[in-house]
């Protein structure tokens, strides 16, 4: 199926930084004020410990399967092994939905963040969408970013992983500077009230967890490209989740002691303003924003890598057009998938802020549907293939699998009508429906093509 065309060029360090960079992204810069104002520092810590625990259970199922079946495509491969092409297609298409939503959102986030550091009087008014004015100069920043990141991935996985390693290290180090400032110069009186708005506040943070931790599942997508024993792939997946949990909690502390309740109520970028307060310098505030730019790039880059591998894995199985299965003979990268994702990023800024928020919210449910199907497949494979070599073997697999399934269902319920984080009707539900209708059309197109090929083959054999 062409699996061997990918070269094993990723080290364990590359894998750790890829997953961690995908999870940290830009969310911690823009959302930390919401965490602290809603839940307080203690409530934020509780939300991340609980939510992180939920993600770890799901991550454990991925870790065992990624080590046991280290093939390009991750969840698609696992589900195909346990069930059938229909369920595998649903899992892959759902996860791809989440990846695409992040890629397009980051293309919009980039010009937004750069405007904070270097305010620009944008020119070339194009149109207004959902109350947001879109200018040509503003959109071009995101579009140029899409071209650069796509080009970097086009010419080989190694340049992309080097950039990922450098920028992820920068994000973590700058975040730790904020934390150090909190311990050294923070005002502990700002920690009150510790629980913010109580249980309701904790729930508000908890429902953000699926979006904030999406990214660990990039590791199974590139498992065939890792030059290390499979058991380490599973370990690194879990380590990257734990590192992200700790990082998020520490950022919550830094923001809590760096801003008073009054400042929290008026800030537009809490993490940057907290950094500025703690070091009494706008320069330090801008440094946090620069870390945000780095986070945008690490997340964006990781999902181009992961998304292009999902497209490749689906294409070689005739689930989507074979065009996506092309591997460049020189660079060993799925260049057609990278070009496709790059085009989505290029045009995304033309939709502006509001429309892209719809895509991110809608895409979140796709990720969790993928988690649910993989968790179910994990349980199935434990029963049907007990002798499968599992280099990273979960000890209490039944408990882990059941909890992963239950928690995935819980996460899905967060998006349903009546919940605080329910998808907006009609816009976000129309996006979900549209994505799965496109997927359905592609699936039947691919199925019909495959059936015709099989019939032609059978007719040819009969003639002989």
Protein backbone atom coordinates (compact mmCIF):
# COMPACT_ATOMS: atom_id res chain seq x y z
CA UNK A 1 0.00 0.00 0.00
CA UNK A 2 2.98 2.35 -0.24
CA UNK A 3 3.57 2.51 3.52
CA UNK A 4 7.31 1.94 3.10
CA UNK A 5 7.71 5.10 1.07
CA UNK A 6 7.89 7.16 4.26
CA UNK A 7 11.38 7.37 5.70
CA UNK A 8 12.08 6.84 9.40
CA UNK A 9 13.50 10.29 10.05
CA UNK A 10 11.82 11.35 13.33
CA UNK A 11 13.62 10.95 16.64
CA UNK A 12 11.95 10.52 20.04
CA UNK A 13 12.64 14.20 20.75
CA UNK A 14 10.91 15.13 17.50
CA UNK A 15 7.85 13.08 18.50
CA UNK A 16 7.64 14.62 21.99
CA UNK A 17 7.94 18.17 20.66
CA UNK A 18 5.48 17.49 17.85
CA UNK A 19 2.75 16.32 20.22
CA UNK A 20 3.44 18.89 22.96
CA UNK A 21 3.62 21.74 20.45
CA UNK A 22 0.32 20.65 18.92
CA UNK A 23 -1.41 20.69 22.30
CA UNK A 24 -0.01 23.97 23.66
CA UNK A 25 -0.61 26.10 20.60
CA UNK A 26 -2.14 29.54 21.12
CA UNK A 27 -5.02 28.71 23.46
CA UNK A 28 -3.09 29.32 26.71
CA UNK A 29 -2.34 32.91 25.66
CA UNK A 30 -5.92 33.93 24.84
CA UNK A 31 -7.98 31.76 27.22
CA UNK A 32 -6.10 31.96 30.53
CA UNK A 33 -8.07 35.03 31.62
CA UNK A 34 -11.32 33.12 31.14
CA UNK A 35 -9.99 30.20 33.20
CA UNK A 36 -8.99 32.35 36.16
CA UNK A 37 -11.98 34.72 36.12
CA UNK A 38 -14.44 31.81 35.92
CA UNK A 39 -12.81 29.16 38.11
CA UNK A 40 -10.07 30.92 40.11
CA UNK A 41 -6.62 29.36 40.32
CA UNK A 42 -7.69 26.37 42.43
CA UNK A 43 -10.71 25.74 40.22
CA UNK A 44 -8.52 25.99 37.12
CA UNK A 45 -6.05 23.49 38.59
CA UNK A 46 -8.88 21.09 39.48
CA UNK A 47 -10.39 21.40 35.99
CA UNK A 48 -7.07 20.61 34.32
CA UNK A 49 -6.32 17.72 36.65
CA UNK A 50 -9.75 16.21 36.05
CA UNK A 51 -9.83 16.98 32.35
CA UNK A 52 -6.23 15.86 31.94
CA UNK A 53 -7.07 12.58 33.64
CA UNK A 54 -9.90 12.05 31.17
CA UNK A 55 -7.54 12.72 28.26
CA UNK A 56 -4.91 10.37 29.72
CA UNK A 57 -7.38 7.46 29.73
CA UNK A 58 -8.17 8.13 26.07
CA UNK A 59 -4.47 8.67 25.39
CA UNK A 60 -3.61 5.30 26.92
CA UNK A 61 -5.76 3.50 24.36
CA UNK A 62 -3.98 5.39 21.57
CA UNK A 63 -0.59 4.72 23.17
CA UNK A 64 -1.07 0.95 23.25
CA UNK A 65 -2.44 0.81 19.71
CA UNK A 66 0.19 3.16 18.24
CA UNK A 67 2.96 0.98 19.67
CA UNK A 68 1.27 -2.25 18.54
CA UNK A 69 0.32 -1.05 15.04
CA UNK A 70 2.80 1.70 14.09
CA UNK A 71 1.38 2.50 10.67
CA UNK A 72 0.59 5.78 8.93
CA UNK A 73 -3.00 6.79 9.59
CA UNK A 74 -3.30 6.12 13.32
CA UNK A 75 -6.95 5.82 14.30
CA UNK A 76 -8.01 4.76 10.79
CA UNK A 77 -5.65 1.79 10.90
CA UNK A 78 -6.74 0.78 14.41
CA UNK A 79 -10.45 0.85 13.57
CA UNK A 80 -9.95 -1.03 10.28
CA UNK A 81 -8.11 -3.71 12.21
CA UNK A 82 -10.93 -4.04 14.74
CA UNK A 83 -14.03 -3.46 12.61
CA UNK A 84 -14.59 -2.40 8.99
CA UNK A 85 -13.97 0.30 6.43
CA UNK A 86 -17.21 2.17 7.18
CA UNK A 87 -16.38 2.75 10.84
CA UNK A 88 -12.73 3.38 10.00
CA UNK A 89 -13.76 6.00 7.46
CA UNK A 90 -16.02 7.69 10.02
CA UNK A 91 -13.20 7.82 12.58
CA UNK A 92 -10.66 9.22 10.11
CA UNK A 93 -13.06 11.75 8.58
CA UNK A 94 -14.10 12.94 12.06
CA UNK A 95 -10.53 13.49 13.26
CA UNK A 96 -9.65 15.19 9.98
CA UNK A 97 -12.54 17.61 10.67
CA UNK A 98 -10.86 18.66 13.90
CA UNK A 99 -7.44 19.01 12.26
CA UNK A 100 -8.81 21.13 9.43
CA UNK A 101 -10.64 23.39 11.89
CA UNK A 102 -7.41 24.03 13.81
CA UNK A 103 -5.39 24.66 10.62
CA UNK A 104 -7.90 27.22 9.37
CA UNK A 105 -8.24 28.86 12.78
CA UNK A 106 -4.48 29.30 13.15
CA UNK A 107 -4.38 31.08 9.78
CA UNK A 108 -6.77 33.64 11.30
CA UNK A 109 -5.04 33.74 14.69
CA UNK A 110 -1.67 34.68 13.15
CA UNK A 111 -2.63 38.16 11.87
CA UNK A 112 -4.65 38.77 15.05
CA UNK A 113 -1.62 38.18 17.27
CA UNK A 114 0.77 40.13 15.09
CA UNK A 115 -1.64 43.10 15.29
CA UNK A 116 -1.18 43.09 19.08
CA UNK A 117 2.60 43.53 18.80
CA UNK A 118 2.69 45.71 15.69
CA UNK A 119 -0.63 47.55 15.27
CA UNK A 120 -1.26 48.13 11.57
CA UNK A 121 -3.76 50.37 9.81
CA UNK A 122 -4.95 47.70 7.43
CA UNK A 123 -5.87 48.57 3.85
CA UNK A 124 -7.90 47.02 1.06
CA UNK A 125 -11.34 46.43 2.58
CA UNK A 126 -12.80 43.21 1.12
CA UNK A 127 -16.05 42.56 3.02
CA UNK A 128 -17.60 42.06 6.44
CA UNK A 129 -18.65 38.67 7.78
CA UNK A 130 -20.53 38.23 11.06
CA UNK A 131 -19.66 41.78 12.10
CA UNK A 132 -15.93 41.47 11.37
CA UNK A 133 -14.32 43.73 8.73
CA UNK A 134 -11.80 41.84 6.61
CA UNK A 135 -8.97 43.74 4.91
CA UNK A 136 -6.58 42.46 2.26
CA UNK A 137 -3.40 43.33 4.20
CA UNK A 138 -4.75 41.53 7.29
CA UNK A 139 -5.75 38.40 5.37
CA UNK A 140 -2.40 38.26 3.55
CA UNK A 141 -0.53 37.77 6.84
CA UNK A 142 -2.38 34.50 7.45
CA UNK A 143 -2.20 33.49 3.79
CA UNK A 144 1.57 34.02 3.63
CA UNK A 145 1.91 31.98 6.84
CA UNK A 146 0.01 29.14 5.14
CA UNK A 147 2.36 29.25 2.15
CA UNK A 148 5.49 29.21 4.32
CA UNK A 149 4.38 26.35 6.57
CA UNK A 150 3.09 24.28 3.67
CA UNK A 151 6.35 24.81 1.79
CA UNK A 152 8.35 23.78 4.84
CA UNK A 153 6.42 20.49 5.06
CA UNK A 154 6.50 19.98 1.30
CA UNK A 155 10.29 19.77 1.21
CA UNK A 156 10.60 17.03 3.83
CA UNK A 157 9.59 16.15 7.36
CA UNK A 158 12.98 17.08 8.83
CA UNK A 159 12.82 20.86 8.24
CA UNK A 160 9.31 20.88 9.72
CA UNK A 161 10.39 18.93 12.82
CA UNK A 162 13.42 21.19 13.40
CA UNK A 163 11.15 24.24 13.38
CA UNK A 164 8.71 22.41 15.65
CA UNK A 165 11.43 21.58 18.19
CA UNK A 166 12.83 25.12 18.32
CA UNK A 167 9.47 26.87 18.63
CA UNK A 168 7.99 24.39 21.12
CA UNK A 169 11.05 24.87 23.34
CA UNK A 170 10.58 28.65 23.03
CA UNK A 171 6.90 28.41 24.02
CA UNK A 172 7.68 26.33 27.12
CA UNK A 173 10.62 28.50 28.19
CA UNK A 174 8.70 31.77 27.84
CA UNK A 175 5.75 30.25 29.69
CA UNK A 176 8.13 29.29 32.51
CA UNK A 177 9.41 32.89 32.64
CA UNK A 178 5.82 33.95 33.37
CA UNK A 179 5.60 31.31 36.11
CA UNK A 180 8.94 32.42 37.61
CA UNK A 181 7.67 35.99 37.63
CA UNK A 182 4.55 34.79 39.42
CA UNK A 183 6.53 33.10 42.18
CA UNK A 184 8.95 36.03 42.49
CA UNK A 185 6.76 39.10 42.00
CA UNK A 186 3.17 37.90 42.10
CA UNK A 187 0.57 39.10 44.59
CA UNK A 188 -0.95 36.08 46.36
CA UNK A 189 -3.92 38.22 47.41
CA UNK A 190 -5.04 38.00 43.78
CA UNK A 191 -5.59 34.26 44.23
CA UNK A 192 -8.87 35.00 46.01
CA UNK A 193 -11.47 33.71 45.42
CA UNK A 194 -9.64 30.42 44.92
CA UNK A 195 -12.63 28.74 43.28
CA UNK A 196 -13.94 31.69 41.29
CA UNK A 197 -17.58 30.99 40.51
CA UNK A 198 -17.43 27.56 42.13
CA UNK A 199 -18.48 24.34 40.42
CA UNK A 200 -20.00 26.22 37.49
CA UNK A 201 -16.68 27.95 36.88
CA UNK A 202 -14.80 24.65 37.00
CA UNK A 203 -17.24 23.22 34.43
CA UNK A 204 -16.64 26.22 32.17
CA UNK A 205 -12.92 25.40 32.08
CA UNK A 206 -13.51 21.65 31.88
CA UNK A 207 -15.48 21.92 28.64
CA UNK A 208 -12.46 23.59 27.00
CA UNK A 209 -10.29 20.50 27.62
CA UNK A 210 -11.01 18.63 24.35
CA UNK A 211 -9.94 21.65 22.29
CA UNK A 212 -6.88 22.42 24.43
CA UNK A 213 -5.55 18.84 24.38
CA UNK A 214 -6.21 17.92 20.78
CA UNK A 215 -2.82 17.07 19.34
CA UNK A 216 -1.54 14.00 21.20
CA UNK A 217 -3.28 11.92 18.53
CA UNK A 218 -0.90 13.33 15.92
CA UNK A 219 1.68 10.80 17.15
CA UNK A 220 -0.14 7.71 15.78
CA UNK A 221 -0.43 9.44 12.40
CA UNK A 222 3.37 9.48 11.98
CA UNK A 223 4.24 6.29 13.90
CA UNK A 224 5.76 4.67 10.80
CA UNK A 225 8.25 7.56 10.49
CA UNK A 226 9.72 7.25 14.00
CA UNK A 227 13.19 5.72 14.27
CA UNK A 228 12.76 4.21 17.73
CA UNK A 229 11.32 1.04 19.30
CA UNK A 230 7.49 1.12 19.21
CA UNK A 231 7.15 0.94 23.01
CA UNK A 232 8.68 4.41 23.31
CA UNK A 233 6.02 5.86 21.01
CA UNK A 234 3.31 4.96 23.52
CA UNK A 235 5.30 6.31 26.47
CA UNK A 236 5.98 9.62 24.76
CA UNK A 237 2.31 10.09 23.92
CA UNK A 238 1.39 9.92 27.62
CA UNK A 239 4.38 12.04 28.67
CA UNK A 240 3.35 14.79 26.26
CA UNK A 241 -0.15 14.90 27.82
CA UNK A 242 1.29 15.11 31.35
CA UNK A 243 3.71 17.89 30.33
CA UNK A 244 0.81 19.86 28.85
CA UNK A 245 -1.34 19.44 31.99
CA UNK A 246 1.46 20.78 34.19
CA UNK A 247 2.15 23.66 31.79
CA UNK A 248 -1.49 24.77 31.70
CA UNK A 249 -1.82 24.71 35.51
CA UNK A 250 1.39 26.74 35.94
CA UNK A 251 0.19 29.32 33.41
CA UNK A 252 -3.05 29.59 35.40
CA UNK A 253 -0.99 30.34 38.51
CA UNK A 254 1.10 33.02 36.77
CA UNK A 255 -1.99 34.81 35.47
CA UNK A 256 -3.78 34.50 38.82
CA UNK A 257 -1.05 36.25 40.81
CA UNK A 258 -0.19 38.68 38.01
CA UNK A 259 -3.61 40.32 37.62
CA UNK A 260 -6.07 41.67 40.17
CA UNK A 261 -9.77 40.75 39.81
CA UNK A 262 -10.44 44.24 38.42
CA UNK A 263 -7.66 43.86 35.83
CA UNK A 264 -8.93 40.40 34.91
CA UNK A 265 -12.34 41.88 34.19
CA UNK A 266 -10.96 44.38 31.67
CA UNK A 267 -8.02 42.61 30.04
CA UNK A 268 -8.21 41.51 26.42
CA UNK A 269 -5.10 39.31 26.58
CA UNK A 270 -4.65 38.20 30.19
CA UNK A 271 -1.42 36.21 29.80
CA UNK A 272 0.41 39.11 28.16
CA UNK A 273 -0.92 41.68 30.64
CA UNK A 274 0.01 39.44 33.58
CA UNK A 275 3.55 39.09 32.22
CA UNK A 276 3.76 42.87 31.79
CA UNK A 277 2.60 43.43 35.39
CA UNK A 278 4.92 40.84 36.91
CA UNK A 279 8.00 42.34 35.25
CA UNK A 280 6.64 45.91 35.03
CA UNK A 281 7.47 45.98 31.33
CA UNK A 282 5.49 46.05 28.09
CA UNK A 283 8.48 44.34 26.48
CA UNK A 284 7.80 41.23 28.56
CA UNK A 285 4.11 41.41 27.61
CA UNK A 286 5.11 41.40 23.95
CA UNK A 287 7.43 38.44 24.59
CA UNK A 288 4.41 36.39 25.68
CA UNK A 289 2.62 37.38 22.49
CA UNK A 290 5.67 36.26 20.50
CA UNK A 291 5.39 32.94 22.34
CA UNK A 292 1.78 32.91 21.19
CA UNK A 293 2.92 33.32 17.59
CA UNK A 294 5.33 30.41 18.13
CA UNK A 295 2.43 28.38 19.57
CA UNK A 296 0.27 29.13 16.55
CA UNK A 297 3.02 27.84 14.28
CA UNK A 298 3.71 24.67 16.32
CA UNK A 299 0.03 23.74 16.41
CA UNK A 300 -0.51 24.61 12.76
CA UNK A 301 2.60 22.71 11.70
CA UNK A 302 1.68 19.60 13.69
CA UNK A 303 -1.79 19.39 12.16
CA UNK A 304 -0.44 19.82 8.63
CA UNK A 305 1.83 16.85 9.35
CA UNK A 306 -0.96 14.78 10.93
CA UNK A 307 -3.70 15.84 8.53
CA UNK A 308 -1.68 15.08 5.40
CA UNK A 309 -0.96 11.57 6.75
CA UNK A 310 -4.67 10.95 7.40
CA UNK A 311 -5.47 12.00 3.82
CA UNK A 312 -2.72 9.71 2.53
CA UNK A 313 -3.92 6.73 4.60
CA UNK A 314 -7.51 7.20 3.39
CA UNK A 315 -6.44 7.65 -0.24
CA UNK A 316 -4.34 4.48 -0.48
CA UNK A 317 -7.46 2.59 0.60
CA UNK A 318 -9.58 4.29 -2.08
CA UNK A 319 -11.72 6.03 0.54
CA UNK A 320 -11.02 9.43 -1.02
CA UNK A 321 -9.47 10.35 -4.41
CA UNK A 322 -6.11 8.67 -5.09
CA UNK A 323 -4.64 12.11 -5.75
CA UNK A 324 -4.05 12.43 -1.98
CA UNK A 325 -1.91 9.27 -1.96
CA UNK A 326 0.94 10.83 -3.94
CA UNK A 327 4.33 10.67 -2.20
CA UNK A 328 7.04 12.93 -3.59
CA UNK A 329 9.87 10.74 -4.92
CA UNK A 330 12.58 13.06 -3.59
CA UNK A 331 11.15 14.51 -0.38
CA UNK A 332 9.16 11.45 0.84
CA UNK A 333 6.23 13.63 1.88
CA UNK A 334 2.50 13.39 0.96
CA UNK A 335 2.77 16.62 -1.02
CA UNK A 336 -0.75 16.63 -2.46
CA UNK A 337 -2.28 16.41 1.01
CA UNK A 338 0.02 19.19 2.18
CA UNK A 339 -0.98 21.38 -0.78
CA UNK A 340 -4.68 20.79 -0.05
CA UNK A 341 -4.34 21.73 3.62
CA UNK A 342 -2.18 24.70 2.65
CA UNK A 343 -4.92 25.96 0.34
CA UNK A 344 -7.47 25.76 3.16
CA UNK A 345 -5.12 27.80 5.36
CA UNK A 346 -4.49 30.27 2.53
CA UNK A 347 -8.17 31.12 2.03
CA UNK A 348 -9.29 30.82 5.69
CA UNK A 349 -8.46 34.45 6.67
CA UNK A 350 -11.08 35.63 4.16
CA UNK A 351 -13.72 34.27 6.57
CA UNK A 352 -12.58 36.44 9.48
CA UNK A 353 -12.82 35.78 13.22
CA UNK A 354 -16.46 34.94 13.80
CA UNK A 355 -16.90 32.39 11.03
CA UNK A 356 -13.66 30.62 11.98
CA UNK A 357 -14.80 30.29 15.60
CA UNK A 358 -17.77 28.36 14.25
CA UNK A 359 -15.44 25.94 12.47
CA UNK A 360 -13.29 25.40 15.58
CA UNK A 361 -16.30 24.70 17.79
CA UNK A 362 -17.86 22.39 15.22
CA UNK A 363 -14.55 20.60 14.56
CA UNK A 364 -14.19 19.76 18.24
CA UNK A 365 -17.02 17.26 18.10
CA UNK A 366 -15.27 15.45 15.24
CA UNK A 367 -12.17 14.91 17.33
CA UNK A 368 -14.16 13.42 20.21
CA UNK A 369 -16.15 11.13 17.89
CA UNK A 370 -12.78 9.85 16.65
CA UNK A 371 -11.67 9.28 20.25
CA UNK A 372 -14.83 7.28 20.99
CA UNK A 373 -14.46 4.98 17.97
CA UNK A 374 -10.76 4.33 18.70
CA UNK A 375 -11.55 3.55 22.36
CA UNK A 376 -14.19 1.03 21.28
CA UNK A 377 -11.72 -0.50 18.81
CA UNK A 378 -9.13 -0.77 21.59
CA UNK A 379 -11.54 -2.94 23.58
CA UNK A 380 -12.46 -5.04 20.55
CA UNK A 381 -8.83 -5.77 19.62
CA UNK A 382 -8.02 -6.83 23.18
CA UNK A 383 -10.69 -9.52 22.83
CA UNK A 384 -10.20 -10.58 19.21
CA UNK A 385 -6.39 -10.34 19.07
CA UNK A 386 -5.10 -11.13 22.58
CA UNK A 387 -1.84 -12.45 21.09
CA UNK A 388 -1.07 -9.21 19.20
CA UNK A 389 2.37 -7.99 20.24
CA UNK A 390 1.83 -4.91 22.38
CA UNK A 391 5.19 -3.25 23.19
CA UNK A 392 3.37 -0.67 25.34
CA UNK A 393 0.78 -2.76 27.17
CA UNK A 394 -1.85 -1.25 29.46
CA UNK A 395 -2.12 -3.24 32.68
CA UNK A 396 -5.74 -2.54 33.63
CA UNK A 397 -7.01 -2.48 30.06
CA UNK A 398 -10.69 -3.12 30.78
CA UNK A 399 -10.94 -0.26 33.27
CA UNK A 400 -8.95 2.02 30.96
CA UNK A 401 -11.05 1.14 27.91
CA UNK A 402 -14.40 1.51 29.67
CA UNK A 403 -13.40 4.87 31.16
CA UNK A 404 -12.10 6.08 27.79
CA UNK A 405 -15.44 5.19 26.16
CA UNK A 406 -17.54 6.75 28.93
CA UNK A 407 -15.46 9.91 28.99
CA UNK A 408 -15.60 10.23 25.21
CA UNK A 409 -19.39 10.04 25.39
CA UNK A 410 -19.30 12.66 28.17
CA UNK A 411 -17.19 14.97 26.01
CA UNK A 412 -19.60 14.53 23.10
CA UNK A 413 -22.50 15.48 25.38
CA UNK A 414 -20.80 18.83 26.07
CA UNK A 415 -21.57 19.86 22.48
CA UNK A 416 -25.24 18.90 22.63
CA UNK A 417 -28.16 21.37 22.98
CA UNK A 418 -28.77 22.47 26.56
CA UNK A 419 -25.12 22.23 27.62
CA UNK A 420 -23.06 25.38 28.42
CA UNK A 421 -20.77 24.66 25.46
CA UNK A 422 -23.45 23.45 23.04
CA UNK A 423 -22.88 24.14 19.36
CA UNK A 424 -24.64 27.25 18.04
CA UNK A 425 -27.76 26.71 15.99
CA UNK A 426 -27.94 26.91 13.04
CA UNK A 427 -24.41 27.93 11.94
CA UNK A 428 -22.25 25.37 13.78
CA UNK A 429 -24.66 22.48 13.35
CA UNK A 430 -24.88 23.26 9.62
CA UNK A 431 -21.08 23.08 9.42
CA UNK A 432 -21.10 19.68 11.16
CA UNK A 433 -23.84 18.44 8.86
CA UNK A 434 -22.10 19.80 5.78
CA UNK A 435 -18.78 18.16 6.66
CA UNK A 436 -20.34 14.73 7.14
CA UNK A 437 -22.46 15.06 3.98
CA UNK A 438 -19.26 15.77 2.01
CA UNK A 439 -17.67 12.76 3.69
CA UNK A 440 -20.66 10.59 2.81
CA UNK A 441 -20.50 11.64 -0.83
CA UNK A 442 -16.76 10.93 -1.02
CA UNK A 443 -17.20 7.57 0.68
CA UNK A 444 -19.83 6.36 -1.78
CA UNK A 445 -17.80 7.71 -4.70
CA UNK A 446 -14.78 5.77 -3.46
CA UNK A 447 -16.85 2.65 -2.72
CA UNK A 448 -18.38 2.67 -6.20
CA UNK A 449 -14.95 3.07 -7.78
CA UNK A 450 -13.56 0.20 -5.71
CA UNK A 451 -16.54 -2.02 -6.61
CA UNK A 452 -16.08 -1.31 -10.32
CA UNK A 453 -12.37 -2.14 -10.09
CA UNK A 454 -13.14 -5.42 -8.33
CA UNK A 455 -15.81 -6.32 -10.90
CA UNK A 456 -13.42 -5.57 -13.76
CA UNK A 457 -10.79 -7.74 -12.11
CA UNK A 458 -13.28 -10.60 -11.62
CA UNK A 459 -14.49 -10.33 -15.23
CA UNK A 460 -10.93 -10.39 -16.47
CA UNK A 461 -10.19 -13.48 -14.39
CA UNK A 462 -13.33 -15.22 -15.73
CA UNK A 463 -12.33 -14.44 -19.32
CA UNK A 464 -8.99 -16.07 -18.75
